[in-house]
Each structure stands twice: as structure tokens, then as C-alpha cells.
Amino acid sequence: MGMRDLVRLAAEWPVLKQLKHKDLLALGETAYSTRSKELAPRIRQADGVTKSVCP
């Protein structure tokens, strides 16, 4: 792991993002990672959705 990798990882560290954006409670944009922004429901690509079998 090189110095560039360490700098990139440090820049993505949530605490540093919170301090940089003055979001100390992490209630704003800093609360979301790149992965969490890209999450989507499993049914987004489904052909159809059926009703639940639970009573």
C-alpha cells in the first residue's frame, strides 16, 4: 500500500468528512458512503412483484 492509497483512504474516513463539511452529528451528506448511495431495492429489476403469502 503506497502513500497515495493511504491519502485516498484517509480522505474517505467518515470523521474527516464530518469535520471538513462541519457536520459533527453526521446527519447530512457525510452520513452516506458511496456504497450506501448506490444501494437499490432488490425488486428494482424484477419483472413483476406478487402479493405476500403471509396472512
N, C-alpha and C. Protein backbone atom coordinates (compact mmCIF):
# COMPACT_ATOMS: atom_id res chain seq x y z
N MET A 1 0.86 -1.17 0.00
CA MET A 1 0.00 0.00 0.00
C MET A 1 0.91 1.23 0.00
N GLY A 2 0.70 2.06 -1.00
CA GLY A 2 1.52 3.25 -1.14
C GLY A 2 0.93 4.45 -0.43
N MET A 3 1.69 5.54 -0.50
CA MET A 3 1.26 6.77 0.15
C MET A 3 -0.03 7.31 -0.46
N ARG A 4 -0.18 7.19 -1.78
CA ARG A 4 -1.41 7.66 -2.44
C ARG A 4 -2.63 6.90 -1.94
N ASP A 5 -2.46 5.60 -1.74
CA ASP A 5 -3.57 4.79 -1.23
C ASP A 5 -3.96 5.24 0.18
N LEU A 6 -2.96 5.53 0.99
CA LEU A 6 -3.25 5.97 2.36
C LEU A 6 -3.95 7.32 2.37
N VAL A 7 -3.53 8.23 1.50
CA VAL A 7 -4.17 9.53 1.42
C VAL A 7 -5.61 9.38 0.96
N ARG A 8 -5.84 8.52 -0.03
CA ARG A 8 -7.20 8.30 -0.54
C ARG A 8 -8.09 7.69 0.55
N LEU A 9 -7.55 6.73 1.29
CA LEU A 9 -8.33 6.12 2.38
C LEU A 9 -8.62 7.13 3.48
N ALA A 10 -7.66 7.96 3.81
CA ALA A 10 -7.86 8.96 4.85
C ALA A 10 -8.93 9.96 4.42
N ALA A 11 -8.96 10.32 3.14
CA ALA A 11 -9.95 11.28 2.65
C ALA A 11 -11.36 10.71 2.73
N GLU A 12 -11.49 9.40 2.69
CA GLU A 12 -12.80 8.75 2.77
C GLU A 12 -13.21 8.40 4.20
N TRP A 13 -12.34 8.66 5.15
CA TRP A 13 -12.63 8.35 6.55
C TRP A 13 -13.77 9.23 7.02
N PRO A 14 -14.85 8.66 7.54
CA PRO A 14 -16.04 9.44 7.90
C PRO A 14 -15.77 10.60 8.85
N VAL A 15 -14.90 10.43 9.82
CA VAL A 15 -14.65 11.50 10.78
C VAL A 15 -14.06 12.72 10.09
N LEU A 16 -13.13 12.49 9.17
CA LEU A 16 -12.54 13.61 8.44
C LEU A 16 -13.56 14.30 7.55
N LYS A 17 -14.45 13.52 6.93
CA LYS A 17 -15.51 14.11 6.11
C LYS A 17 -16.43 14.98 6.97
N GLN A 18 -16.76 14.50 8.16
CA GLN A 18 -17.64 15.25 9.05
C GLN A 18 -16.99 16.58 9.44
N LEU A 19 -15.72 16.55 9.77
CA LEU A 19 -15.02 17.78 10.16
C LEU A 19 -14.91 18.74 8.98
N LYS A 20 -14.60 18.20 7.81
CA LYS A 20 -14.43 19.04 6.62
C LYS A 20 -15.73 19.77 6.26
N HIS A 21 -16.86 19.07 6.38
CA HIS A 21 -18.15 19.64 6.00
C HIS A 21 -18.92 20.22 7.19
N LYS A 22 -18.26 20.29 8.34
CA LYS A 22 -18.87 20.83 9.57
C LYS A 22 -20.19 20.15 9.90
N ASP A 23 -20.20 18.84 9.74
CA ASP A 23 -21.38 18.02 10.02
C ASP A 23 -21.05 17.10 11.19
N LEU A 24 -20.88 17.67 12.36
CA LEU A 24 -20.39 16.91 13.51
C LEU A 24 -21.32 15.80 13.97
N LEU A 25 -22.60 15.92 13.71
CA LEU A 25 -23.55 14.88 14.11
C LEU A 25 -23.78 13.84 13.02
N ALA A 26 -23.16 14.03 11.86
CA ALA A 26 -23.29 13.11 10.72
C ALA A 26 -24.75 12.91 10.32
N LEU A 27 -25.47 14.00 10.23
CA LEU A 27 -26.87 13.93 9.83
C LEU A 27 -27.07 14.36 8.38
N GLY A 28 -26.05 14.86 7.77
CA GLY A 28 -26.15 15.35 6.39
C GLY A 28 -25.53 14.38 5.40
N GLU A 29 -24.93 14.95 4.38
CA GLU A 29 -24.34 14.17 3.29
C GLU A 29 -23.22 13.25 3.77
N THR A 30 -22.54 13.61 4.84
CA THR A 30 -21.41 12.80 5.32
C THR A 30 -21.86 11.47 5.92
N ALA A 31 -23.14 11.33 6.17
CA ALA A 31 -23.65 10.09 6.75
C ALA A 31 -23.73 8.97 5.71
N TYR A 32 -23.57 9.30 4.45
CA TYR A 32 -23.73 8.32 3.39
C TYR A 32 -22.40 7.99 2.73
N SER A 33 -22.13 6.71 2.58
CA SER A 33 -20.94 6.28 1.86
C SER A 33 -21.30 6.13 0.38
N THR A 34 -20.30 5.95 -0.43
CA THR A 34 -20.55 5.73 -1.86
C THR A 34 -21.40 4.48 -2.04
N ARG A 35 -21.10 3.45 -1.28
CA ARG A 35 -21.86 2.20 -1.39
C ARG A 35 -23.32 2.39 -1.00
N SER A 36 -23.55 3.12 0.10
CA SER A 36 -24.94 3.30 0.54
C SER A 36 -25.73 4.16 -0.44
N LYS A 37 -25.06 5.07 -1.15
CA LYS A 37 -25.75 5.88 -2.15
C LYS A 37 -26.16 5.06 -3.36
N GLU A 38 -25.40 3.99 -3.63
CA GLU A 38 -25.66 3.16 -4.81
C GLU A 38 -26.61 1.99 -4.52
N LEU A 39 -27.01 1.81 -3.27
CA LEU A 39 -27.92 0.70 -2.94
C LEU A 39 -29.29 0.92 -3.59
N ALA A 40 -29.89 -0.17 -4.00
CA ALA A 40 -31.21 -0.11 -4.63
C ALA A 40 -32.03 -1.32 -4.16
N PRO A 41 -33.34 -1.21 -4.17
CA PRO A 41 -34.18 -2.35 -3.78
C PRO A 41 -33.96 -3.54 -4.71
N ARG A 42 -34.10 -4.73 -4.15
CA ARG A 42 -33.92 -5.95 -4.96
C ARG A 42 -34.95 -6.05 -6.07
N ILE A 43 -36.12 -5.45 -5.88
CA ILE A 43 -37.19 -5.60 -6.87
C ILE A 43 -37.10 -4.58 -8.00
N ARG A 44 -36.09 -3.71 -7.95
CA ARG A 44 -35.98 -2.68 -8.99
C ARG A 44 -35.88 -3.30 -10.38
N GLN A 45 -35.19 -4.43 -10.50
CA GLN A 45 -35.01 -5.06 -11.82
C GLN A 45 -35.94 -6.25 -12.02
N ALA A 46 -36.89 -6.43 -11.13
CA ALA A 46 -37.81 -7.56 -11.25
C ALA A 46 -38.83 -7.34 -12.36
N ASP A 47 -39.27 -8.42 -12.96
CA ASP A 47 -40.30 -8.34 -14.00
C ASP A 47 -41.66 -8.03 -13.39
N GLY A 48 -41.88 -8.54 -12.18
CA GLY A 48 -43.16 -8.31 -11.52
C GLY A 48 -43.03 -8.59 -10.04
N VAL A 49 -43.98 -8.11 -9.27
CA VAL A 49 -43.98 -8.31 -7.82
C VAL A 49 -45.33 -8.92 -7.45
N THR A 50 -45.29 -9.97 -6.61
CA THR A 50 -46.53 -10.61 -6.21
C THR A 50 -46.89 -10.23 -4.77
N LYS A 51 -48.12 -10.51 -4.39
CA LYS A 51 -48.54 -10.24 -3.02
C LYS A 51 -47.86 -11.22 -2.08
N SER A 52 -47.78 -10.85 -0.84
CA SER A 52 -47.18 -11.69 0.18
C SER A 52 -48.03 -12.93 0.42
N VAL A 53 -47.41 -14.04 0.80
CA VAL A 53 -48.15 -15.26 1.11
C VAL A 53 -48.53 -15.30 2.59
N CYS A 54 -48.05 -14.33 3.36
CA CYS A 54 -48.39 -14.28 4.77
C CYS A 54 -49.81 -13.78 4.95
N PRO A 55 -50.51 -14.34 5.92
CA PRO A 55 -51.90 -13.93 6.14
C PRO A 55 -52.02 -12.51 6.68
